[in-house]
Protein backbone atom coordinates (compact mmCIF):
# COMPACT_ATOMS: atom_id res chain seq x y z
CA UNK A 1 0.00 0.00 0.00
CA UNK A 2 1.30 3.46 -0.86
CA UNK A 3 2.30 5.85 1.88
CA UNK A 4 -0.15 8.60 2.71
CA UNK A 5 0.34 12.15 1.52
CA UNK A 6 1.66 14.75 3.90
CA UNK A 7 1.85 18.52 3.88
CA UNK A 8 4.88 20.76 4.43
CA UNK A 9 4.91 24.55 4.62
CA UNK A 10 5.12 24.79 0.82
CA UNK A 11 3.78 21.54 -0.67
CA UNK A 12 1.37 18.66 -0.36
CA UNK A 13 3.57 15.65 -1.14
CA UNK A 14 2.89 12.12 -2.31
CA UNK A 15 5.99 9.87 -1.98
CA UNK A 16 7.09 7.83 -4.96
CA UNK A 17 6.90 4.10 -4.23
CA UNK A 18 10.32 3.77 -5.94
CA UNK A 19 12.08 5.99 -3.38
CA UNK A 20 15.02 4.36 -1.66
CA UNK A 21 15.11 7.16 0.90
CA UNK A 22 11.72 8.21 2.18
CA UNK A 23 12.51 11.63 3.57
CA UNK A 24 12.44 15.25 2.46
CA UNK A 25 15.99 16.56 2.18
CA UNK A 26 17.06 20.18 2.55
CA UNK A 27 17.82 20.95 -1.12
CA UNK A 28 14.79 20.80 -3.43
CA UNK A 29 13.96 21.25 -7.08
CA UNK A 30 10.32 21.66 -8.14
CA UNK A 31 9.65 20.24 -11.60
CA UNK A 32 6.42 21.74 -13.02
CA UNK A 33 5.84 18.65 -15.19
CA UNK A 34 3.64 16.22 -13.23
CA UNK A 35 3.86 13.43 -15.81
CA UNK A 36 7.56 13.64 -16.73
CA UNK A 37 9.51 10.47 -16.04
CA UNK A 38 12.30 11.09 -13.56
CA UNK A 39 14.75 8.21 -13.13
CA UNK A 40 16.94 9.40 -10.26
CA UNK A 41 19.52 6.54 -10.50
CA UNK A 42 20.35 7.61 -14.07
CA UNK A 43 21.62 10.96 -12.76
CA UNK A 44 24.43 9.21 -10.80
CA UNK A 45 24.02 11.47 -7.77
CA UNK A 46 26.62 11.45 -5.01
CA UNK A 47 24.21 11.83 -2.06
CA UNK A 48 20.77 10.61 -1.16
CA UNK A 49 17.66 11.89 -2.93
CA UNK A 50 13.90 11.36 -3.00
CA UNK A 51 11.05 12.03 -5.41
CA UNK A 52 7.50 13.16 -4.67
CA UNK A 53 4.42 14.03 -6.67
CA UNK A 54 3.75 17.55 -5.46
CA UNK A 55 1.04 20.17 -5.21
CA UNK A 56 2.56 23.61 -4.62
CA UNK A 57 0.36 25.41 -2.11
CA UNK A 58 1.42 28.97 -3.06
CA UNK A 59 -0.02 28.83 -6.59
CA UNK A 60 -1.87 25.52 -6.86
CA UNK A 61 0.61 24.15 -9.41
CA UNK A 62 0.99 20.37 -9.79
CA UNK A 63 4.39 18.86 -10.48
CA UNK A 64 7.12 16.82 -8.87
CA UNK A 65 9.50 17.68 -6.07
CA UNK A 66 12.97 16.16 -6.06
CA UNK A 67 14.90 16.61 -2.83
CA UNK A 68 18.62 16.16 -2.36
CA UNK A 69 20.97 15.69 0.55
CA UNK A 70 23.77 17.59 -1.26
CA UNK A 71 23.44 21.01 -2.92
CA UNK A 72 25.77 19.89 -5.75
CA UNK A 73 23.28 17.13 -6.66
CA UNK A 74 20.44 19.66 -6.84
CA UNK A 75 22.52 21.85 -9.16
CA UNK A 76 23.52 18.88 -11.32
CA UNK A 77 19.92 17.68 -11.58
CA UNK A 78 18.67 21.15 -12.52
CA UNK A 79 21.29 21.47 -15.25
CA UNK A 80 20.73 18.00 -16.71
CA UNK A 81 16.97 17.40 -16.39
CA UNK A 82 14.93 17.80 -19.55
CA UNK A 83 11.24 16.84 -19.51
CA UNK A 84 10.30 14.20 -22.05
PDB file of N, CA and C in Angstrom:
ATOM      1  N   UNK A   1       0.841  -1.174   0.000  1.00  0.00           N
ATOM      2  CA  UNK A   1       0.000   0.000   0.000  1.00  0.00           C
ATOM      3  C   UNK A   1       0.892   1.246   0.000  1.00  0.00           C
ATOM      4  N   UNK A   2       0.518   2.230  -0.761  1.00  0.00           N
ATOM      5  CA  UNK A   2       1.299   3.458  -0.863  1.00  0.00           C
ATOM      6  C   UNK A   2       1.216   4.263   0.434  1.00  0.00           C
ATOM      7  N   UNK A   3       2.290   4.994   0.692  1.00  0.00           N
ATOM      8  CA  UNK A   3       2.297   5.846   1.875  1.00  0.00           C
ATOM      9  C   UNK A   3       1.322   7.001   1.676  1.00  0.00           C
ATOM     10  N   UNK A   4       0.798   7.488   2.762  1.00  0.00           N
ATOM     11  CA  UNK A   4      -0.150   8.596   2.712  1.00  0.00           C
ATOM     12  C   UNK A   4       0.561   9.900   2.377  1.00  0.00           C
ATOM     13  N   UNK A   5      -0.188  10.809   1.821  1.00  0.00           N
ATOM     14  CA  UNK A   5       0.337  12.147   1.521  1.00  0.00           C
ATOM     15  C   UNK A   5       0.562  12.901   2.823  1.00  0.00           C
ATOM     16  N   UNK A   6       1.453  13.874   2.757  1.00  0.00           N
ATOM     17  CA  UNK A   6       1.662  14.748   3.903  1.00  0.00           C
ATOM     18  C   UNK A   6       1.920  16.151   3.393  1.00  0.00           C
ATOM     19  N   UNK A   7       1.738  17.122   4.266  1.00  0.00           N
ATOM     20  CA  UNK A   7       1.854  18.524   3.879  1.00  0.00           C
ATOM     21  C   UNK A   7       3.017  19.176   4.615  1.00  0.00           C
ATOM     22  N   UNK A   8       3.810  19.949   3.848  1.00  0.00           N
ATOM     23  CA  UNK A   8       4.882  20.757   4.425  1.00  0.00           C
ATOM     24  C   UNK A   8       4.412  22.208   4.364  1.00  0.00           C
ATOM     25  N   UNK A   9       5.272  23.129   4.684  1.00  0.00           N
ATOM     26  CA  UNK A   9       4.910  24.548   4.620  1.00  0.00           C
ATOM     27  C   UNK A   9       4.624  24.997   3.191  1.00  0.00           C
ATOM     28  N   UNK A  10       5.246  24.347   2.202  1.00  0.00           N
ATOM     29  CA  UNK A  10       5.115  24.786   0.817  1.00  0.00           C
ATOM     30  C   UNK A  10       4.380  23.826  -0.109  1.00  0.00           C
ATOM     31  N   UNK A  11       4.300  22.551   0.252  1.00  0.00           N
ATOM     32  CA  UNK A  11       3.775  21.539  -0.667  1.00  0.00           C
ATOM     33  C   UNK A  11       2.900  20.518   0.033  1.00  0.00           C
ATOM     34  N   UNK A  12       2.020  19.903  -0.754  1.00  0.00           N
ATOM     35  CA  UNK A  12       1.368  18.658  -0.361  1.00  0.00           C
ATOM     36  C   UNK A  12       2.103  17.605  -1.168  1.00  0.00           C
ATOM     37  N   UNK A  13       2.682  16.609  -0.497  1.00  0.00           N
ATOM     38  CA  UNK A  13       3.570  15.648  -1.144  1.00  0.00           C
ATOM     39  C   UNK A  13       3.026  14.230  -1.086  1.00  0.00           C
ATOM     40  N   UNK A  14       3.274  13.514  -2.181  1.00  0.00           N
ATOM     41  CA  UNK A  14       2.895  12.118  -2.309  1.00  0.00           C
ATOM     42  C   UNK A  14       4.170  11.348  -2.652  1.00  0.00           C
ATOM     43  N   UNK A  15       4.724  10.555  -1.731  1.00  0.00           N
ATOM     44  CA  UNK A  15       5.992   9.870  -1.978  1.00  0.00           C
ATOM     45  C   UNK A  15       5.912   8.886  -3.137  1.00  0.00           C
ATOM     46  N   UNK A  16       6.980   8.823  -3.901  1.00  0.00           N
ATOM     47  CA  UNK A  16       7.089   7.827  -4.961  1.00  0.00           C
ATOM     48  C   UNK A  16       7.327   6.462  -4.323  1.00  0.00           C
ATOM     49  N   UNK A  17       6.652   5.431  -4.791  1.00  0.00           N
ATOM     50  CA  UNK A  17       6.901   4.099  -4.226  1.00  0.00           C
ATOM     51  C   UNK A  17       8.295   3.575  -4.578  1.00  0.00           C
ATOM     52  N   UNK A  18       8.978   4.203  -5.538  1.00  0.00           N
ATOM     53  CA  UNK A  18      10.318   3.774  -5.940  1.00  0.00           C
ATOM     54  C   UNK A  18      11.426   4.441  -5.114  1.00  0.00           C
ATOM     55  N   UNK A  19      11.070   5.316  -4.204  1.00  0.00           N
ATOM     56  CA  UNK A  19      12.075   5.994  -3.383  1.00  0.00           C
ATOM     57  C   UNK A  19      12.859   4.992  -2.543  1.00  0.00           C
ATOM     58  N   UNK A  20      14.174   5.135  -2.559  1.00  0.00           N
ATOM     59  CA  UNK A  20      15.023   4.362  -1.661  1.00  0.00           C
ATOM     60  C   UNK A  20      15.050   5.036  -0.303  1.00  0.00           C
ATOM     61  N   UNK A  21      15.094   6.359  -0.327  1.00  0.00           N
ATOM     62  CA  UNK A  21      15.110   7.160   0.895  1.00  0.00           C
ATOM     63  C   UNK A  21      13.777   7.891   0.994  1.00  0.00           C
ATOM     64  N   UNK A  22      13.055   7.653   2.030  1.00  0.00           N
ATOM     65  CA  UNK A  22      11.719   8.209   2.178  1.00  0.00           C
ATOM     66  C   UNK A  22      11.716   9.388   3.140  1.00  0.00           C
ATOM     67  N   UNK A  23      12.486  10.418   2.758  1.00  0.00           N
ATOM     68  CA  UNK A  23      12.510  11.629   3.572  1.00  0.00           C
ATOM     69  C   UNK A  23      12.676  12.843   2.666  1.00  0.00           C
ATOM     70  N   UNK A  24      12.293  13.990   3.190  1.00  0.00           N
ATOM     71  CA  UNK A  24      12.441  15.247   2.459  1.00  0.00           C
ATOM     72  C   UNK A  24      13.780  15.849   2.878  1.00  0.00           C
ATOM     73  N   UNK A  25      14.671  15.997   1.897  1.00  0.00           N
ATOM     74  CA  UNK A  25      15.991  16.558   2.176  1.00  0.00           C
ATOM     75  C   UNK A  25      15.949  18.074   2.024  1.00  0.00           C
ATOM     76  N   UNK A  26      16.992  18.723   2.480  1.00  0.00           N
ATOM     77  CA  UNK A  26      17.059  20.180   2.554  1.00  0.00           C
ATOM     78  C   UNK A  26      17.031  20.867   1.190  1.00  0.00           C
ATOM     79  N   UNK A  27      17.700  20.313   0.200  1.00  0.00           N
ATOM     80  CA  UNK A  27      17.817  20.947  -1.119  1.00  0.00           C
ATOM     81  C   UNK A  27      16.749  20.377  -2.039  1.00  0.00           C
ATOM     82  N   UNK A  28      15.941  21.264  -2.630  1.00  0.00           N
ATOM     83  CA  UNK A  28      14.794  20.804  -3.430  1.00  0.00           C
ATOM     84  C   UNK A  28      14.777  21.468  -4.792  1.00  0.00           C
ATOM     85  N   UNK A  29      14.211  20.721  -5.743  1.00  0.00           N
ATOM     86  CA  UNK A  29      13.963  21.251  -7.079  1.00  0.00           C
ATOM     87  C   UNK A  29      12.523  20.885  -7.429  1.00  0.00           C
ATOM     88  N   UNK A  30      11.705  21.898  -7.703  1.00  0.00           N
ATOM     89  CA  UNK A  30      10.322  21.663  -8.137  1.00  0.00           C
ATOM     90  C   UNK A  30      10.312  21.568  -9.650  1.00  0.00           C
ATOM     91  N   UNK A  31       9.764  20.476 -10.165  1.00  0.00           N
ATOM     92  CA  UNK A  31       9.654  20.243 -11.602  1.00  0.00           C
ATOM     93  C   UNK A  31       8.181  20.427 -11.958  1.00  0.00           C
ATOM     94  N   UNK A  32       7.836  21.465 -12.741  1.00  0.00           N
ATOM     95  CA  UNK A  32       6.421  21.735 -13.025  1.00  0.00           C
ATOM     96  C   UNK A  32       5.834  20.841 -14.117  1.00  0.00           C
ATOM     97  N   UNK A  33       6.312  19.616 -14.204  1.00  0.00           N
ATOM     98  CA  UNK A  33       5.837  18.645 -15.195  1.00  0.00           C
ATOM     99  C   UNK A  33       5.383  17.397 -14.441  1.00  0.00           C
ATOM    100  N   UNK A  34       4.088  17.317 -14.091  1.00  0.00           N
ATOM    101  CA  UNK A  34       3.635  16.225 -13.229  1.00  0.00           C
ATOM    102  C   UNK A  34       3.752  14.837 -13.847  1.00  0.00           C
ATOM    103  N   UNK A  35       3.830  14.746 -15.172  1.00  0.00           N
ATOM    104  CA  UNK A  35       3.865  13.431 -15.808  1.00  0.00           C
ATOM    105  C   UNK A  35       5.215  13.088 -16.412  1.00  0.00           C
ATOM    106  N   UNK A  36       6.221  13.928 -16.211  1.00  0.00           N
ATOM    107  CA  UNK A  36       7.561  13.637 -16.727  1.00  0.00           C
ATOM    108  C   UNK A  36       8.147  12.445 -15.969  1.00  0.00           C
ATOM    109  N   UNK A  37       8.842  11.593 -16.682  1.00  0.00           N
ATOM    110  CA  UNK A  37       9.509  10.465 -16.044  1.00  0.00           C
ATOM    111  C   UNK A  37      10.847  10.933 -15.481  1.00  0.00           C
ATOM    112  N   UNK A  38      11.050  10.705 -14.207  1.00  0.00           N
ATOM    113  CA  UNK A  38      12.299  11.088 -13.557  1.00  0.00           C
ATOM    114  C   UNK A  38      12.919   9.819 -12.974  1.00  0.00           C
ATOM    115  N   UNK A  39      14.018   9.398 -13.574  1.00  0.00           N
ATOM    116  CA  UNK A  39      14.747   8.213 -13.126  1.00  0.00           C
ATOM    117  C   UNK A  39      15.976   8.690 -12.369  1.00  0.00           C
ATOM    118  N   UNK A  40      15.853   8.840 -11.070  1.00  0.00           N
ATOM    119  CA  UNK A  40      16.940   9.395 -10.261  1.00  0.00           C
ATOM    120  C   UNK A  40      18.248   8.603 -10.357  1.00  0.00           C
ATOM    121  N   UNK A  41      18.233   7.256 -10.396  1.00  0.00           N
ATOM    122  CA  UNK A  41      19.515   6.540 -10.502  1.00  0.00           C
ATOM    123  C   UNK A  41      20.311   6.897 -11.767  1.00  0.00           C
ATOM    124  N   UNK A  42      19.635   7.285 -12.835  1.00  0.00           N
ATOM    125  CA  UNK A  42      20.347   7.607 -14.070  1.00  0.00           C
ATOM    126  C   UNK A  42      21.120   8.928 -13.978  1.00  0.00           C
ATOM    127  N   UNK A  43      20.891   9.709 -12.943  1.00  0.00           N
ATOM    128  CA  UNK A  43      21.616  10.960 -12.763  1.00  0.00           C
ATOM    129  C   UNK A  43      22.938  10.756 -12.012  1.00  0.00           C
ATOM    130  N   UNK A  44      23.182   9.555 -11.491  1.00  0.00           N
ATOM    131  CA  UNK A  44      24.431   9.207 -10.798  1.00  0.00           C
ATOM    132  C   UNK A  44      24.782  10.249  -9.730  1.00  0.00           C
ATOM    133  N   UNK A  45      23.842  10.480  -8.838  1.00  0.00           N
ATOM    134  CA  UNK A  45      24.017  11.470  -7.773  1.00  0.00           C
ATOM    135  C   UNK A  45      24.960  10.943  -6.703  1.00  0.00           C
ATOM    136  N   UNK A  46      25.647  11.839  -6.038  1.00  0.00           N
ATOM    137  CA  UNK A  46      26.620  11.451  -5.011  1.00  0.00           C
ATOM    138  C   UNK A  46      25.967  11.228  -3.641  1.00  0.00           C
ATOM    139  N   UNK A  47      24.900  11.953  -3.349  1.00  0.00           N
ATOM    140  CA  UNK A  47      24.213  11.831  -2.063  1.00  0.00           C
ATOM    141  C   UNK A  47      22.853  11.176  -2.221  1.00  0.00           C
ATOM    142  N   UNK A  48      22.116  11.189  -1.143  1.00  0.00           N
ATOM    143  CA  UNK A  48      20.768  10.613  -1.161  1.00  0.00           C
ATOM    144  C   UNK A  48      19.782  11.603  -1.778  1.00  0.00           C
ATOM    145  N   UNK A  49      18.693  11.059  -2.320  1.00  0.00           N
ATOM    146  CA  UNK A  49      17.656  11.893  -2.931  1.00  0.00           C
ATOM    147  C   UNK A  49      16.320  11.185  -2.801  1.00  0.00           C
ATOM    148  N   UNK A  50      15.242  11.938  -3.022  1.00  0.00           N
ATOM    149  CA  UNK A  50      13.900  11.360  -3.000  1.00  0.00           C
ATOM    150  C   UNK A  50      13.005  12.139  -3.959  1.00  0.00           C
ATOM    151  N   UNK A  51      11.966  11.477  -4.414  1.00  0.00           N
ATOM    152  CA  UNK A  51      11.051  12.027  -5.414  1.00  0.00           C
ATOM    153  C   UNK A  51       9.623  11.982  -4.879  1.00  0.00           C
ATOM    154  N   UNK A  52       8.892  13.057  -5.128  1.00  0.00           N
ATOM    155  CA  UNK A  52       7.502  13.155  -4.671  1.00  0.00           C
ATOM    156  C   UNK A  52       6.637  13.759  -5.767  1.00  0.00           C
ATOM    157  N   UNK A  53       5.414  13.286  -5.927  1.00  0.00           N
ATOM    158  CA  UNK A  53       4.418  14.034  -6.674  1.00  0.00           C
ATOM    159  C   UNK A  53       4.060  15.187  -5.750  1.00  0.00           C
ATOM    160  N   UNK A  54       3.914  16.383  -6.320  1.00  0.00           N
ATOM    161  CA  UNK A  54       3.754  17.552  -5.459  1.00  0.00           C
ATOM    162  C   UNK A  54       2.654  18.479  -5.945  1.00  0.00           C
ATOM    163  N   UNK A  55       2.004  19.095  -4.983  1.00  0.00           N
ATOM    164  CA  UNK A  55       1.041  20.165  -5.215  1.00  0.00           C
ATOM    165  C   UNK A  55       1.592  21.374  -4.475  1.00  0.00           C
ATOM    166  N   UNK A  56       1.980  22.416  -5.237  1.00  0.00           N
ATOM    167  CA  UNK A  56       2.562  23.610  -4.616  1.00  0.00           C
ATOM    168  C   UNK A  56       1.442  24.480  -4.082  1.00  0.00           C
ATOM    169  N   UNK A  57       1.440  24.701  -2.782  1.00  0.00           N
ATOM    170  CA  UNK A  57       0.362  25.414  -2.112  1.00  0.00           C
ATOM    171  C   UNK A  57       0.277  26.885  -2.501  1.00  0.00           C
ATOM    172  N   UNK A  58       1.402  27.525  -2.780  1.00  0.00           N
ATOM    173  CA  UNK A  58       1.418  28.967  -3.065  1.00  0.00           C
ATOM    174  C   UNK A  58       0.605  29.329  -4.303  1.00  0.00           C
ATOM    175  N   UNK A  59       0.661  28.484  -5.336  1.00  0.00           N
ATOM    176  CA  UNK A  59      -0.023  28.832  -6.586  1.00  0.00           C
ATOM    177  C   UNK A  59      -0.902  27.715  -7.148  1.00  0.00           C
ATOM    178  N   UNK A  60      -1.023  26.614  -6.418  1.00  0.00           N
ATOM    179  CA  UNK A  60      -1.874  25.519  -6.860  1.00  0.00           C
ATOM    180  C   UNK A  60      -1.317  24.752  -8.047  1.00  0.00           C
ATOM    181  N   UNK A  61      -0.027  24.813  -8.263  1.00  0.00           N
ATOM    182  CA  UNK A  61       0.608  24.150  -9.406  1.00  0.00           C
ATOM    183  C   UNK A  61       0.950  22.703  -9.045  1.00  0.00           C
ATOM    184  N   UNK A  62       0.636  21.774  -9.955  1.00  0.00           N
ATOM    185  CA  UNK A  62       0.993  20.370  -9.786  1.00  0.00           C
ATOM    186  C   UNK A  62       2.332  20.124 -10.459  1.00  0.00           C
ATOM    187  N   UNK A  63       3.105  19.203  -9.912  1.00  0.00           N
ATOM    188  CA  UNK A  63       4.393  18.856 -10.481  1.00  0.00           C
ATOM    189  C   UNK A  63       5.037  17.764  -9.658  1.00  0.00           C
ATOM    190  N   UNK A  64       6.358  17.780  -9.640  1.00  0.00           N
ATOM    191  CA  UNK A  64       7.124  16.817  -8.868  1.00  0.00           C
ATOM    192  C   UNK A  64       8.189  17.576  -8.084  1.00  0.00           C
ATOM    193  N   UNK A  65       8.471  17.081  -6.895  1.00  0.00           N
ATOM    194  CA  UNK A  65       9.504  17.677  -6.072  1.00  0.00           C
ATOM    195  C   UNK A  65      10.600  16.633  -5.891  1.00  0.00           C
ATOM    196  N   UNK A  66      11.816  17.020  -6.261  1.00  0.00           N
ATOM    197  CA  UNK A  66      12.971  16.164  -6.058  1.00  0.00           C
ATOM    198  C   UNK A  66      13.785  16.815  -4.957  1.00  0.00           C
ATOM    199  N   UNK A  67      14.108  16.053  -3.924  1.00  0.00           N
ATOM    200  CA  UNK A  67      14.895  16.611  -2.827  1.00  0.00           C
ATOM    201  C   UNK A  67      16.236  15.904  -2.759  1.00  0.00           C
ATOM    202  N   UNK A  68      17.248  16.660  -2.337  1.00  0.00           N
ATOM    203  CA  UNK A  68      18.615  16.164  -2.359  1.00  0.00           C
ATOM    204  C   UNK A  68      19.300  16.428  -1.029  1.00  0.00           C
ATOM    205  N   UNK A  69      20.157  15.522  -0.651  1.00  0.00           N
ATOM    206  CA  UNK A  69      20.972  15.685   0.547  1.00  0.00           C
ATOM    207  C   UNK A  69      22.090  16.704   0.292  1.00  0.00           C
ATOM    208  N   UNK A  70      22.635  16.718  -0.923  1.00  0.00           N
ATOM    209  CA  UNK A  70      23.769  17.588  -1.262  1.00  0.00           C
ATOM    210  C   UNK A  70      23.365  18.689  -2.237  1.00  0.00           C
ATOM    211  N   UNK A  71      23.789  19.927  -2.000  1.00  0.00           N
ATOM    212  CA  UNK A  71      23.445  21.013  -2.918  1.00  0.00           C
ATOM    213  C   UNK A  71      24.023  20.809  -4.316  1.00  0.00           C
ATOM    214  N   UNK A  72      25.169  20.142  -4.431  1.00  0.00           N
ATOM    215  CA  UNK A  72      25.765  19.886  -5.749  1.00  0.00           C
ATOM    216  C   UNK A  72      24.872  18.969  -6.580  1.00  0.00           C
ATOM    217  N   UNK A  73      24.203  18.016  -5.933  1.00  0.00           N
ATOM    218  CA  UNK A  73      23.282  17.126  -6.662  1.00  0.00           C
ATOM    219  C   UNK A  73      22.072  17.896  -7.181  1.00  0.00           C
ATOM    220  N   UNK A  74      21.573  18.838  -6.397  1.00  0.00           N
ATOM    221  CA  UNK A  74      20.442  19.661  -6.842  1.00  0.00           C
ATOM    222  C   UNK A  74      20.844  20.488  -8.054  1.00  0.00           C
ATOM    223  N   UNK A  75      22.033  21.053  -8.030  1.00  0.00           N
ATOM    224  CA  UNK A  75      22.524  21.846  -9.163  1.00  0.00           C
ATOM    225  C   UNK A  75      22.716  20.975 -10.394  1.00  0.00           C
ATOM    226  N   UNK A  76      23.295  19.809 -10.213  1.00  0.00           N
ATOM    227  CA  UNK A  76      23.523  18.880 -11.321  1.00  0.00           C
ATOM    228  C   UNK A  76      22.194  18.435 -11.937  1.00  0.00           C
ATOM    229  N   UNK A  77      21.235  18.096 -11.086  1.00  0.00           N
ATOM    230  CA  UNK A  77      19.923  17.680 -11.578  1.00  0.00           C
ATOM    231  C   UNK A  77      19.267  18.807 -12.377  1.00  0.00           C
ATOM    232  N   UNK A  78      19.290  20.013 -11.841  1.00  0.00           N
ATOM    233  CA  UNK A  78      18.667  21.149 -12.522  1.00  0.00           C
ATOM    234  C   UNK A  78      19.295  21.398 -13.901  1.00  0.00           C
ATOM    235  N   UNK A  79      20.598  21.240 -13.987  1.00  0.00           N
ATOM    236  CA  UNK A  79      21.291  21.471 -15.252  1.00  0.00           C
ATOM    237  C   UNK A  79      21.033  20.372 -16.270  1.00  0.00           C
ATOM    238  N   UNK A  80      20.845  19.130 -15.800  1.00  0.00           N
ATOM    239  CA  UNK A  80      20.728  17.997 -16.713  1.00  0.00           C
ATOM    240  C   UNK A  80      19.292  17.558 -17.027  1.00  0.00           C
ATOM    241  N   UNK A  81      18.331  17.890 -16.182  1.00  0.00           N
ATOM    242  CA  UNK A  81      16.965  17.401 -16.387  1.00  0.00           C
ATOM    243  C   UNK A  81      16.300  18.100 -17.568  1.00  0.00           C
ATOM    244  N   UNK A  82      15.740  17.312 -18.436  1.00  0.00           N
ATOM    245  CA  UNK A  82      14.931  17.798 -19.552  1.00  0.00           C
ATOM    246  C   UNK A  82      13.644  16.965 -19.573  1.00  0.00           C
ATOM    247  N   UNK A  83      12.484  17.619 -19.484  1.00  0.00           N
ATOM    248  CA  UNK A  83      11.237  16.838 -19.513  1.00  0.00           C
ATOM    249  C   UNK A  83      11.075  16.135 -20.855  1.00  0.00           C
ATOM    250  N   UNK A  84      10.490  14.960 -20.822  1.00  0.00           N
ATOM    251  CA  UNK A  84      10.296  14.204 -22.054  1.00  0.00           C
ATOM    252  C   UNK A  84       9.166  14.725 -22.885  1.00  0.00           C
TER     253      UNK A  84
END
